[in-house]
Amino acid sequence: MVSVKKIVLDVLKPHQPNALDFSRAVAEVGGDYRVHLTVIEVDESTETLLMTVEGSAIDFDAIQSTISELGASLHSIDEVEVQGEPDSV
């Protein structure tokens, strides 16, 4: 089995929710998710973010769904770290 351990996303979001609330909402998707968010650019109505999510087994679909529910859009997946694990017998 292969697990996603880290993913770096380019996200465009409205000003609300703010960066702290946005990060918290994404972190709540997984029990052990660690979220690092950097605001790259701000314009009149949006913010461009570079968001890193780390965890033992990241559920990308759930993160993508949460991003959409918060009114944001995923522009790209910029970096991924995956790890293969031996099959248990």
N, C-alpha and C. Protein backbone atom coordinates (compact mmCIF):
# COMPACT_ATOMS: atom_id res chain seq x y z
N MET A 1 0.84 -1.18 0.00
CA MET A 1 0.00 0.00 0.00
C MET A 1 0.88 1.24 0.00
N VAL A 2 0.43 2.29 -0.65
CA VAL A 2 1.15 3.55 -0.73
C VAL A 2 0.34 4.62 0.00
N SER A 3 0.99 5.37 0.87
CA SER A 3 0.33 6.45 1.61
C SER A 3 0.95 7.79 1.24
N VAL A 4 0.08 8.80 1.12
CA VAL A 4 0.55 10.17 0.89
C VAL A 4 0.93 10.75 2.24
N LYS A 5 2.18 11.20 2.36
CA LYS A 5 2.70 11.75 3.61
C LYS A 5 2.75 13.27 3.62
N LYS A 6 2.89 13.86 2.43
CA LYS A 6 3.02 15.32 2.34
C LYS A 6 2.51 15.76 0.98
N ILE A 7 1.80 16.88 0.97
CA ILE A 7 1.33 17.45 -0.28
C ILE A 7 1.40 18.97 -0.18
N VAL A 8 1.87 19.60 -1.24
CA VAL A 8 1.98 21.06 -1.30
C VAL A 8 1.03 21.53 -2.39
N LEU A 9 0.12 22.43 -2.01
CA LEU A 9 -0.95 22.88 -2.90
C LEU A 9 -0.91 24.38 -3.12
N ASP A 10 -1.21 24.80 -4.35
CA ASP A 10 -1.39 26.20 -4.70
C ASP A 10 -2.90 26.43 -4.69
N VAL A 11 -3.36 27.30 -3.81
CA VAL A 11 -4.80 27.51 -3.59
C VAL A 11 -5.14 28.99 -3.73
N LEU A 12 -6.28 29.27 -4.35
CA LEU A 12 -6.81 30.63 -4.42
C LEU A 12 -8.06 30.66 -3.56
N LYS A 13 -8.09 31.56 -2.56
CA LYS A 13 -9.24 31.63 -1.65
C LYS A 13 -9.71 33.07 -1.49
N PRO A 14 -10.99 33.25 -1.12
CA PRO A 14 -11.44 34.60 -0.78
C PRO A 14 -10.81 35.03 0.53
N HIS A 15 -10.94 36.30 0.88
CA HIS A 15 -10.33 36.81 2.12
C HIS A 15 -10.91 36.13 3.37
N GLN A 16 -12.16 35.72 3.30
CA GLN A 16 -12.78 35.01 4.41
C GLN A 16 -13.12 33.59 3.99
N PRO A 17 -12.82 32.59 4.76
CA PRO A 17 -12.24 32.66 6.09
C PRO A 17 -10.78 33.11 6.03
N ASN A 18 -10.28 33.63 7.14
CA ASN A 18 -8.89 34.08 7.18
C ASN A 18 -7.95 32.87 7.15
N ALA A 19 -6.68 33.14 7.03
CA ALA A 19 -5.68 32.07 6.87
C ALA A 19 -5.67 31.10 8.05
N LEU A 20 -5.86 31.60 9.26
CA LEU A 20 -5.86 30.74 10.44
C LEU A 20 -7.06 29.79 10.43
N ASP A 21 -8.24 30.32 10.18
CA ASP A 21 -9.44 29.48 10.15
C ASP A 21 -9.39 28.49 8.99
N PHE A 22 -8.86 28.93 7.86
CA PHE A 22 -8.72 28.05 6.70
C PHE A 22 -7.79 26.88 7.03
N SER A 23 -6.66 27.18 7.66
CA SER A 23 -5.70 26.14 8.04
C SER A 23 -6.31 25.16 9.04
N ARG A 24 -7.02 25.69 10.00
CA ARG A 24 -7.67 24.83 11.00
C ARG A 24 -8.67 23.88 10.34
N ALA A 25 -9.46 24.40 9.42
CA ALA A 25 -10.47 23.56 8.75
C ALA A 25 -9.81 22.43 7.98
N VAL A 26 -8.71 22.71 7.31
CA VAL A 26 -8.00 21.66 6.57
C VAL A 26 -7.38 20.67 7.54
N ALA A 27 -6.80 21.15 8.62
CA ALA A 27 -6.17 20.26 9.61
C ALA A 27 -7.19 19.31 10.24
N GLU A 28 -8.43 19.77 10.40
CA GLU A 28 -9.47 18.94 11.00
C GLU A 28 -9.90 17.78 10.11
N VAL A 29 -9.53 17.80 8.85
CA VAL A 29 -9.89 16.71 7.93
C VAL A 29 -9.26 15.39 8.39
N GLY A 30 -8.04 15.46 8.90
CA GLY A 30 -7.35 14.26 9.36
C GLY A 30 -6.95 14.39 10.82
N GLY A 31 -6.89 13.29 11.51
CA GLY A 31 -6.57 13.32 12.93
C GLY A 31 -5.17 13.78 13.25
N ASP A 32 -4.23 13.56 12.32
CA ASP A 32 -2.84 13.94 12.61
C ASP A 32 -2.26 14.91 11.58
N TYR A 33 -3.14 15.62 10.86
CA TYR A 33 -2.64 16.53 9.82
C TYR A 33 -1.96 17.74 10.43
N ARG A 34 -0.84 18.08 9.82
CA ARG A 34 -0.10 19.30 10.16
C ARG A 34 -0.16 20.19 8.93
N VAL A 35 -0.62 21.42 9.09
CA VAL A 35 -0.81 22.34 7.96
C VAL A 35 0.11 23.54 8.12
N HIS A 36 0.85 23.82 7.06
CA HIS A 36 1.69 25.02 7.00
C HIS A 36 1.16 25.84 5.83
N LEU A 37 0.76 27.07 6.09
CA LEU A 37 0.15 27.91 5.05
C LEU A 37 0.92 29.21 4.93
N THR A 38 1.26 29.58 3.70
CA THR A 38 1.92 30.85 3.42
C THR A 38 1.06 31.63 2.43
N VAL A 39 0.74 32.87 2.77
CA VAL A 39 0.01 33.74 1.84
C VAL A 39 1.04 34.32 0.89
N ILE A 40 0.90 34.00 -0.39
CA ILE A 40 1.86 34.42 -1.40
C ILE A 40 1.50 35.77 -2.01
N GLU A 41 0.19 35.96 -2.23
CA GLU A 41 -0.25 37.19 -2.90
C GLU A 41 -1.65 37.54 -2.43
N VAL A 42 -1.92 38.84 -2.32
CA VAL A 42 -3.23 39.33 -1.92
C VAL A 42 -3.68 40.35 -2.95
N ASP A 43 -4.93 40.21 -3.41
CA ASP A 43 -5.49 41.26 -4.26
C ASP A 43 -6.79 41.74 -3.64
N GLU A 44 -7.58 42.44 -4.40
CA GLU A 44 -8.78 43.07 -3.85
C GLU A 44 -9.76 42.07 -3.22
N SER A 45 -9.90 40.89 -3.79
CA SER A 45 -10.91 39.96 -3.27
C SER A 45 -10.40 38.55 -2.97
N THR A 46 -9.14 38.25 -3.30
CA THR A 46 -8.63 36.89 -3.09
C THR A 46 -7.22 36.89 -2.51
N GLU A 47 -6.83 35.70 -2.06
CA GLU A 47 -5.47 35.46 -1.57
C GLU A 47 -4.95 34.19 -2.24
N THR A 48 -3.71 34.23 -2.69
CA THR A 48 -3.06 33.04 -3.22
C THR A 48 -2.23 32.43 -2.11
N LEU A 49 -2.42 31.12 -1.89
CA LEU A 49 -1.77 30.43 -0.78
C LEU A 49 -0.87 29.31 -1.28
N LEU A 50 0.19 29.06 -0.55
CA LEU A 50 0.98 27.85 -0.71
C LEU A 50 0.76 27.08 0.58
N MET A 51 0.09 25.94 0.46
CA MET A 51 -0.32 25.18 1.64
C MET A 51 0.32 23.81 1.62
N THR A 52 1.02 23.47 2.71
CA THR A 52 1.63 22.17 2.88
C THR A 52 0.85 21.40 3.93
N VAL A 53 0.46 20.18 3.59
CA VAL A 53 -0.24 19.31 4.53
C VAL A 53 0.62 18.07 4.72
N GLU A 54 0.88 17.72 5.97
CA GLU A 54 1.64 16.53 6.29
C GLU A 54 0.83 15.65 7.23
N GLY A 55 0.96 14.34 7.06
CA GLY A 55 0.25 13.39 7.91
C GLY A 55 0.65 11.97 7.57
N SER A 56 0.14 11.03 8.33
CA SER A 56 0.52 9.63 8.12
C SER A 56 -0.14 9.02 6.88
N ALA A 57 -1.33 9.47 6.54
CA ALA A 57 -2.03 8.97 5.35
C ALA A 57 -3.04 10.04 4.92
N ILE A 58 -2.60 10.96 4.09
CA ILE A 58 -3.40 12.11 3.70
C ILE A 58 -4.48 11.69 2.71
N ASP A 59 -5.70 12.14 2.98
CA ASP A 59 -6.85 11.90 2.09
C ASP A 59 -7.01 13.13 1.20
N PHE A 60 -6.42 13.08 0.01
CA PHE A 60 -6.43 14.23 -0.88
C PHE A 60 -7.85 14.64 -1.26
N ASP A 61 -8.71 13.66 -1.55
CA ASP A 61 -10.07 13.99 -1.96
C ASP A 61 -10.81 14.75 -0.87
N ALA A 62 -10.63 14.37 0.38
CA ALA A 62 -11.27 15.06 1.50
C ALA A 62 -10.72 16.49 1.64
N ILE A 63 -9.43 16.65 1.44
CA ILE A 63 -8.83 17.99 1.50
C ILE A 63 -9.37 18.86 0.38
N GLN A 64 -9.43 18.30 -0.82
CA GLN A 64 -9.94 19.05 -1.96
C GLN A 64 -11.40 19.45 -1.74
N SER A 65 -12.18 18.57 -1.18
CA SER A 65 -13.58 18.87 -0.87
C SER A 65 -13.69 20.00 0.15
N THR A 66 -12.86 19.97 1.18
CA THR A 66 -12.87 21.02 2.21
C THR A 66 -12.47 22.36 1.61
N ILE A 67 -11.47 22.36 0.76
CA ILE A 67 -11.05 23.59 0.08
C ILE A 67 -12.22 24.20 -0.67
N SER A 68 -12.94 23.38 -1.42
CA SER A 68 -14.11 23.86 -2.17
C SER A 68 -15.21 24.37 -1.25
N GLU A 69 -15.48 23.64 -0.16
CA GLU A 69 -16.52 24.05 0.79
C GLU A 69 -16.21 25.39 1.42
N LEU A 70 -14.93 25.73 1.53
CA LEU A 70 -14.52 27.00 2.10
C LEU A 70 -14.51 28.13 1.07
N GLY A 71 -14.97 27.85 -0.15
CA GLY A 71 -15.06 28.86 -1.20
C GLY A 71 -13.78 29.08 -1.96
N ALA A 72 -12.81 28.20 -1.80
CA ALA A 72 -11.51 28.34 -2.47
C ALA A 72 -11.41 27.37 -3.63
N SER A 73 -10.37 27.53 -4.42
CA SER A 73 -10.14 26.61 -5.53
C SER A 73 -8.68 26.17 -5.56
N LEU A 74 -8.49 24.92 -5.92
CA LEU A 74 -7.16 24.34 -6.01
C LEU A 74 -6.61 24.65 -7.39
N HIS A 75 -5.47 25.35 -7.44
CA HIS A 75 -4.84 25.67 -8.73
C HIS A 75 -3.92 24.56 -9.19
N SER A 76 -3.12 24.02 -8.26
CA SER A 76 -2.19 22.96 -8.66
C SER A 76 -1.67 22.20 -7.46
N ILE A 77 -1.20 21.00 -7.74
CA ILE A 77 -0.46 20.21 -6.77
C ILE A 77 1.00 20.45 -7.10
N ASP A 78 1.74 21.08 -6.21
CA ASP A 78 3.11 21.49 -6.51
C ASP A 78 4.17 20.51 -6.02
N GLU A 79 3.82 19.69 -5.04
CA GLU A 79 4.79 18.73 -4.51
C GLU A 79 4.03 17.62 -3.79
N VAL A 80 4.52 16.40 -3.92
CA VAL A 80 3.90 15.26 -3.25
C VAL A 80 4.99 14.36 -2.70
N GLU A 81 4.76 13.84 -1.49
CA GLU A 81 5.65 12.82 -0.93
C GLU A 81 4.78 11.62 -0.58
N VAL A 82 5.13 10.47 -1.14
CA VAL A 82 4.40 9.24 -0.85
C VAL A 82 5.36 8.22 -0.32
N GLN A 83 4.83 7.25 0.41
CA GLN A 83 5.67 6.19 0.97
C GLN A 83 4.95 4.87 0.81
N GLY A 84 5.69 3.90 0.24
CA GLY A 84 5.16 2.56 0.14
C GLY A 84 5.33 1.84 1.48
N GLU A 85 4.36 1.02 1.80
CA GLU A 85 4.41 0.25 3.03
C GLU A 85 4.26 -1.23 2.68
N PRO A 86 4.98 -2.11 3.36
CA PRO A 86 4.88 -3.52 3.05
C PRO A 86 3.47 -4.03 3.34
N ASP A 87 3.00 -4.92 2.49
CA ASP A 87 1.70 -5.54 2.71
C ASP A 87 1.76 -6.43 3.93
N SER A 88 0.76 -6.34 4.78
CA SER A 88 0.72 -7.21 5.95
C SER A 88 0.15 -8.56 5.54
N VAL A 89 0.66 -9.60 6.17
CA VAL A 89 0.24 -10.95 5.81
C VAL A 89 -0.83 -11.45 6.74
